Amino acid sequence: MSEEEVKKKKKKEGAWRLYEYDYKTGKITLKNKKCPRCGKITAHHHNPERWACGACGYTEYIGKETKKS
């Protein structure tokens, strides 16, 4: 990777991606969920749709439950 690609990647990262700011009330809220096991921020994955914690390995699946016959 070139230096320019590394700089562009670093610009995309930041705390502004994790939080939402409500200008009317002045409140800051977390966009993602917190892990119930360790308390760190979980990541949202789309295929299969789930919330996963990279620190402790906790995974919570979302969506239609499969029925076993």
N, C-alpha and C. Protein backbone atom coordinates (compact mmCIF):
# COMPACT_ATOMS: atom_id res chain seq x y z
N MET A 1 0.84 -1.18 0.00
CA MET A 1 0.00 0.00 0.00
C MET A 1 0.88 1.24 0.00
N SER A 2 0.48 2.23 -0.76
CA SER A 2 1.25 3.47 -0.81
C SER A 2 0.89 4.35 0.38
N GLU A 3 1.67 5.40 0.60
CA GLU A 3 1.41 6.32 1.72
C GLU A 3 0.07 7.03 1.57
N GLU A 4 -0.31 7.34 0.34
CA GLU A 4 -1.58 8.03 0.09
C GLU A 4 -2.77 7.15 0.49
N GLU A 5 -2.69 5.86 0.16
CA GLU A 5 -3.77 4.94 0.52
C GLU A 5 -3.89 4.80 2.03
N VAL A 6 -2.75 4.78 2.72
CA VAL A 6 -2.75 4.67 4.18
C VAL A 6 -3.37 5.92 4.79
N LYS A 7 -3.05 7.10 4.28
CA LYS A 7 -3.60 8.35 4.79
C LYS A 7 -5.11 8.41 4.57
N LYS A 8 -5.59 7.97 3.40
CA LYS A 8 -7.02 7.96 3.12
C LYS A 8 -7.75 7.03 4.07
N LYS A 9 -7.16 5.87 4.36
CA LYS A 9 -7.77 4.91 5.26
C LYS A 9 -7.85 5.49 6.67
N LYS A 10 -6.82 6.18 7.12
CA LYS A 10 -6.81 6.76 8.45
C LYS A 10 -7.85 7.88 8.57
N LYS A 11 -8.12 8.60 7.50
CA LYS A 11 -9.12 9.67 7.54
C LYS A 11 -10.51 9.12 7.76
N LYS A 12 -10.80 7.91 7.26
CA LYS A 12 -12.12 7.31 7.41
C LYS A 12 -12.37 6.87 8.85
N GLU A 13 -11.32 6.52 9.58
CA GLU A 13 -11.46 6.07 10.94
C GLU A 13 -11.64 7.26 11.87
N GLY A 14 -12.33 7.06 12.97
CA GLY A 14 -12.47 8.12 13.94
C GLY A 14 -13.68 7.93 14.82
N ALA A 15 -13.72 8.69 15.89
CA ALA A 15 -14.81 8.58 16.86
C ALA A 15 -16.15 9.02 16.26
N TRP A 16 -16.13 9.87 15.25
CA TRP A 16 -17.37 10.35 14.65
C TRP A 16 -18.16 9.23 14.00
N ARG A 17 -17.50 8.11 13.70
CA ARG A 17 -18.21 6.97 13.11
C ARG A 17 -18.97 6.18 14.16
N LEU A 18 -18.61 6.31 15.43
CA LEU A 18 -19.21 5.52 16.50
C LEU A 18 -20.37 6.21 17.20
N TYR A 19 -20.44 7.52 17.10
CA TYR A 19 -21.43 8.28 17.86
C TYR A 19 -22.30 9.15 16.97
N GLU A 20 -23.53 9.45 17.44
CA GLU A 20 -24.43 10.40 16.78
C GLU A 20 -24.65 11.57 17.72
N TYR A 21 -24.73 12.76 17.17
CA TYR A 21 -24.95 13.96 17.96
C TYR A 21 -26.29 14.55 17.58
N ASP A 22 -27.16 14.77 18.56
CA ASP A 22 -28.46 15.39 18.34
C ASP A 22 -28.31 16.89 18.62
N TYR A 23 -28.39 17.69 17.58
CA TYR A 23 -28.16 19.12 17.71
C TYR A 23 -29.26 19.84 18.48
N LYS A 24 -30.47 19.32 18.44
CA LYS A 24 -31.58 19.96 19.14
C LYS A 24 -31.46 19.82 20.66
N THR A 25 -31.13 18.60 21.11
CA THR A 25 -31.04 18.36 22.55
C THR A 25 -29.62 18.43 23.08
N GLY A 26 -28.63 18.33 22.20
CA GLY A 26 -27.24 18.37 22.62
C GLY A 26 -26.75 17.06 23.20
N LYS A 27 -27.42 15.95 22.87
CA LYS A 27 -27.05 14.65 23.41
C LYS A 27 -26.21 13.86 22.42
N ILE A 28 -25.27 13.10 22.95
CA ILE A 28 -24.42 12.23 22.16
C ILE A 28 -24.82 10.80 22.48
N THR A 29 -25.11 9.99 21.43
CA THR A 29 -25.51 8.60 21.63
C THR A 29 -24.60 7.69 20.81
N LEU A 30 -24.44 6.48 21.29
CA LEU A 30 -23.64 5.48 20.63
C LEU A 30 -24.45 4.84 19.51
N LYS A 31 -23.86 4.69 18.31
CA LYS A 31 -24.56 4.08 17.18
C LYS A 31 -24.67 2.57 17.34
N ASN A 32 -23.63 1.92 17.79
CA ASN A 32 -23.61 0.47 17.92
C ASN A 32 -24.01 0.05 19.33
N LYS A 33 -24.21 -1.25 19.50
CA LYS A 33 -24.56 -1.81 20.80
C LYS A 33 -23.29 -2.05 21.60
N LYS A 34 -23.46 -2.18 22.92
CA LYS A 34 -22.36 -2.58 23.78
C LYS A 34 -22.49 -4.07 24.07
N CYS A 35 -21.37 -4.73 24.21
CA CYS A 35 -21.34 -6.16 24.48
C CYS A 35 -21.83 -6.41 25.91
N PRO A 36 -22.81 -7.31 26.08
CA PRO A 36 -23.30 -7.59 27.43
C PRO A 36 -22.30 -8.38 28.27
N ARG A 37 -21.34 -9.02 27.61
CA ARG A 37 -20.36 -9.83 28.33
C ARG A 37 -19.18 -9.00 28.84
N CYS A 38 -18.57 -8.18 27.96
CA CYS A 38 -17.36 -7.45 28.37
C CYS A 38 -17.53 -5.93 28.39
N GLY A 39 -18.60 -5.40 27.76
CA GLY A 39 -18.86 -3.96 27.80
C GLY A 39 -18.24 -3.15 26.69
N LYS A 40 -17.52 -3.77 25.78
CA LYS A 40 -16.92 -3.04 24.65
C LYS A 40 -17.94 -2.89 23.53
N ILE A 41 -17.62 -2.10 22.52
CA ILE A 41 -18.54 -1.84 21.41
C ILE A 41 -18.52 -3.02 20.44
N THR A 42 -19.72 -3.46 20.02
CA THR A 42 -19.82 -4.56 19.07
C THR A 42 -19.92 -4.03 17.64
N ALA A 43 -19.62 -4.89 16.68
CA ALA A 43 -19.68 -4.54 15.27
C ALA A 43 -20.90 -5.20 14.64
N HIS A 44 -21.50 -4.52 13.68
CA HIS A 44 -22.67 -5.05 12.97
C HIS A 44 -22.20 -5.65 11.66
N HIS A 45 -22.54 -6.93 11.43
CA HIS A 45 -22.19 -7.63 10.20
C HIS A 45 -23.47 -7.98 9.46
N HIS A 46 -23.39 -8.04 8.13
CA HIS A 46 -24.60 -8.23 7.31
C HIS A 46 -24.85 -9.65 6.84
N ASN A 47 -23.81 -10.48 6.69
CA ASN A 47 -24.05 -11.80 6.12
C ASN A 47 -23.38 -12.88 6.96
N PRO A 48 -24.04 -13.62 7.78
CA PRO A 48 -25.42 -13.47 8.24
C PRO A 48 -25.51 -12.27 9.18
N GLU A 49 -26.68 -11.67 9.24
CA GLU A 49 -26.84 -10.46 10.03
C GLU A 49 -26.67 -10.76 11.50
N ARG A 50 -25.70 -10.05 12.12
CA ARG A 50 -25.38 -10.32 13.51
C ARG A 50 -24.62 -9.15 14.13
N TRP A 51 -24.59 -9.12 15.47
CA TRP A 51 -23.74 -8.21 16.24
C TRP A 51 -22.63 -9.08 16.82
N ALA A 52 -21.38 -8.68 16.65
CA ALA A 52 -20.26 -9.49 17.13
C ALA A 52 -19.25 -8.62 17.87
N CYS A 53 -18.72 -9.15 18.96
CA CYS A 53 -17.69 -8.49 19.75
C CYS A 53 -16.35 -9.08 19.38
N GLY A 54 -15.41 -8.25 18.99
CA GLY A 54 -14.09 -8.73 18.62
C GLY A 54 -13.21 -9.04 19.82
N ALA A 55 -13.55 -8.51 20.99
CA ALA A 55 -12.71 -8.71 22.16
C ALA A 55 -12.96 -10.07 22.82
N CYS A 56 -14.24 -10.39 23.07
CA CYS A 56 -14.53 -11.63 23.81
C CYS A 56 -15.18 -12.71 22.96
N GLY A 57 -15.59 -12.38 21.72
CA GLY A 57 -16.17 -13.38 20.83
C GLY A 57 -17.67 -13.55 20.94
N TYR A 58 -18.35 -12.71 21.73
CA TYR A 58 -19.80 -12.79 21.87
C TYR A 58 -20.46 -12.46 20.53
N THR A 59 -21.45 -13.25 20.12
CA THR A 59 -22.17 -13.03 18.86
C THR A 59 -23.66 -13.15 19.11
N GLU A 60 -24.41 -12.18 18.58
CA GLU A 60 -25.87 -12.17 18.70
C GLU A 60 -26.44 -12.10 17.29
N TYR A 61 -27.14 -13.16 16.87
CA TYR A 61 -27.70 -13.21 15.52
C TYR A 61 -29.04 -12.48 15.47
N ILE A 62 -29.30 -11.83 14.33
CA ILE A 62 -30.52 -11.04 14.14
C ILE A 62 -31.28 -11.62 12.96
N GLY A 63 -32.57 -11.42 12.95
CA GLY A 63 -33.35 -11.78 11.78
C GLY A 63 -34.25 -12.96 12.01
N LYS A 64 -34.63 -13.58 10.93
CA LYS A 64 -35.55 -14.69 10.97
C LYS A 64 -34.89 -15.90 11.62
N GLU A 65 -35.62 -16.50 12.55
CA GLU A 65 -35.12 -17.72 13.17
C GLU A 65 -35.46 -18.89 12.26
N THR A 66 -34.54 -19.82 12.15
CA THR A 66 -34.81 -20.99 11.32
C THR A 66 -35.56 -22.02 12.15
N LYS A 67 -36.58 -22.59 11.52
CA LYS A 67 -37.40 -23.62 12.19
C LYS A 67 -36.89 -24.98 11.79
N LYS A 68 -36.63 -25.80 12.78
CA LYS A 68 -36.20 -27.17 12.52
C LYS A 68 -37.40 -28.09 12.58
N SER A 69 -37.53 -28.97 11.59
CA SER A 69 -38.69 -29.87 11.57
C SER A 69 -38.36 -31.24 12.07
